[in-house]
Amino acid sequence: MIGRLNHVAIVTPDLEAAASVYRDTLGAKVSEATDMPEHGVTTVFVELPNTKIELLVPLGENSPIAKFLEKNPSGGMHHICYEVDDIIAARDKLIAAGARVLGDGEPRIGAHNKPVLFLHPKDFVGTLVEIEQV
């Protein structure tokens, strides 16, 4: 069911400073910042040969990552994203196995314009997991 690692998401208090670390210090290709008001974040993707790093900052007062940043003012790893072929089949299999899907259980369109779901960190070794249909 689980496919390749799509990205690792890191919340940061300063998107430009974080992007600069990857672009200027590490020499990675970094995308332009994109506001995603439907998700309450502004995001930048760092492209690596085998995966991506997603840098996130809160967008708006109701951002779902604002509390994360309050608890971790320097930022830190927020979630990992795995690819799946069929998000509905993956969701149903995960639920049958006892995993908790966050939200209403229906996929939303994510940063790559593909359906995504988030899985409860308590069910995945303390890590928030995103699955994305490819």
Protein backbone atom coordinates (compact mmCIF):
# COMPACT_ATOMS: atom_id res chain seq x y z
CA MET A 1 0.00 0.00 0.00
CA ILE A 2 2.60 2.56 1.06
CA GLY A 3 4.69 4.02 -1.73
CA ARG A 4 7.72 6.23 -1.83
CA LEU A 5 8.42 9.03 0.60
CA ASN A 6 6.96 12.15 -1.02
CA HIS A 7 8.19 14.76 1.46
CA VAL A 8 9.16 15.64 4.99
CA ALA A 9 7.42 18.77 6.30
CA ILE A 10 9.21 21.21 8.58
CA VAL A 11 7.48 24.11 10.34
CA THR A 12 9.60 27.23 10.63
CA PRO A 13 9.06 30.66 12.18
CA ASP A 14 10.85 32.33 9.22
CA LEU A 15 10.19 30.88 5.78
CA GLU A 16 12.78 32.97 3.93
CA ALA A 17 15.52 32.17 6.44
CA ALA A 18 14.70 28.45 6.24
CA ALA A 19 14.58 28.54 2.43
CA SER A 20 17.93 30.32 2.43
CA VAL A 21 19.53 27.51 4.43
CA TYR A 22 18.49 24.97 1.81
CA ARG A 23 19.11 27.22 -1.22
CA ASP A 24 22.24 29.15 -0.24
CA THR A 25 23.95 26.86 2.27
CA LEU A 26 23.05 23.44 0.89
CA GLY A 27 22.65 24.38 -2.79
CA ALA A 28 19.16 22.92 -3.24
CA LYS A 29 16.51 24.10 -5.67
CA VAL A 30 13.81 25.92 -3.70
CA SER A 31 10.36 26.83 -5.05
CA GLU A 32 8.63 30.15 -4.65
CA ALA A 33 6.42 30.53 -1.59
CA THR A 34 2.78 29.62 -2.12
CA ASP A 35 -0.06 30.71 0.15
CA MET A 36 -2.57 27.95 0.79
CA PRO A 37 -5.40 29.67 2.69
CA GLU A 38 -7.57 26.53 2.59
CA HIS A 39 -4.87 24.78 4.66
CA GLY A 40 -3.78 27.79 6.73
CA VAL A 41 -0.16 27.63 5.60
CA THR A 42 2.38 29.19 3.31
CA THR A 43 4.63 26.55 1.81
CA VAL A 44 7.92 26.23 -0.03
CA PHE A 45 9.25 23.00 -1.49
CA VAL A 46 12.92 22.07 -1.51
CA GLU A 47 13.57 19.64 -4.33
CA LEU A 48 16.03 16.82 -3.68
CA PRO A 49 17.00 13.99 -6.04
CA ASN A 50 14.96 11.40 -4.14
CA THR A 51 12.24 13.41 -2.31
CA LYS A 52 11.23 16.90 -1.18
CA ILE A 53 11.33 18.96 1.99
CA GLU A 54 8.23 21.09 2.59
CA LEU A 55 8.86 24.24 4.63
CA LEU A 56 5.74 25.63 6.31
CA VAL A 57 4.73 28.79 8.14
CA PRO A 58 1.28 29.57 9.54
CA LEU A 59 -1.05 31.60 7.34
CA GLY A 60 -3.88 33.30 9.19
CA GLU A 61 -5.00 33.16 12.80
CA ASN A 62 -6.62 29.72 12.49
CA SER A 63 -3.61 27.95 11.02
CA PRO A 64 -3.42 24.30 12.11
CA ILE A 65 0.35 24.65 12.59
CA ALA A 66 0.23 27.75 14.81
CA LYS A 67 0.05 25.66 18.01
CA PHE A 68 2.95 23.53 16.81
CA LEU A 69 5.04 26.69 16.43
CA GLU A 70 3.93 27.94 19.86
CA LYS A 71 5.20 24.70 21.41
CA ASN A 72 8.30 24.64 19.19
CA PRO A 73 9.28 28.30 18.63
CA SER A 74 12.37 27.35 16.62
CA GLY A 75 10.28 25.07 14.39
CA GLY A 76 10.81 21.40 13.69
CA MET A 77 9.62 18.36 11.79
CA HIS A 78 5.83 18.39 11.47
CA HIS A 79 4.90 15.38 9.32
CA ILE A 80 6.03 12.90 6.72
CA CYS A 81 4.12 12.18 3.52
CA TYR A 82 3.94 8.85 1.75
CA GLU A 83 2.51 8.22 -1.69
CA VAL A 84 -0.36 5.80 -2.28
CA ASP A 85 -1.94 4.67 -5.54
CA ASP A 86 -5.55 4.84 -4.33
CA ILE A 87 -6.24 7.09 -1.35
CA ILE A 88 -9.75 5.72 -0.70
CA ALA A 89 -8.56 2.10 -0.71
CA ALA A 90 -5.61 3.10 1.52
CA ARG A 91 -7.92 4.98 3.90
CA ASP A 92 -10.31 2.06 4.16
CA LYS A 93 -7.49 -0.42 4.78
CA LEU A 94 -5.95 1.85 7.43
CA ILE A 95 -9.28 2.32 9.22
CA ALA A 96 -9.91 -1.44 9.14
CA ALA A 97 -6.49 -1.90 10.75
CA GLY A 98 -7.43 0.53 13.54
CA ALA A 99 -5.68 3.68 12.35
CA ARG A 100 -7.37 7.02 12.93
CA VAL A 101 -7.82 9.39 10.00
CA LEU A 102 -7.91 13.03 11.05
CA GLY A 103 -10.68 15.42 10.06
CA ASP A 104 -13.85 14.06 8.50
CA GLY A 105 -12.03 11.20 6.76
CA GLU A 106 -12.57 12.61 3.30
CA PRO A 107 -9.52 13.52 1.21
CA ARG A 108 -8.72 17.19 0.64
CA ILE A 109 -6.61 18.63 -2.14
CA GLY A 110 -3.06 19.18 -0.90
CA ALA A 111 -0.12 21.33 -1.94
CA HIS A 112 0.54 19.23 -5.05
CA ASN A 113 -3.10 19.48 -6.17
CA LYS A 114 -3.62 15.82 -5.29
CA PRO A 115 -5.90 14.20 -2.69
CA VAL A 116 -4.39 13.91 0.80
CA LEU A 117 -5.34 12.59 4.24
CA PHE A 118 -3.61 12.89 7.60
CA LEU A 119 -3.26 10.02 10.07
CA HIS A 120 -3.12 10.35 13.85
CA PRO A 121 0.45 10.44 15.18
CA LYS A 122 -0.40 8.13 18.10
CA ASP A 123 -1.03 5.37 15.56
CA PHE A 124 2.31 5.90 13.74
CA VAL A 125 5.10 5.92 16.29
CA GLY A 126 4.40 9.51 17.37
CA THR A 127 4.63 10.92 13.85
CA LEU A 128 1.90 12.76 11.97
CA VAL A 129 1.58 10.96 8.63
CA GLU A 130 0.13 12.37 5.42
CA ILE A 131 -0.81 10.08 2.55
CA GLU A 132 -1.07 11.51 -0.94
CA GLN A 133 -2.58 9.85 -3.99
CA VAL A 134 -0.23 9.84 -6.97
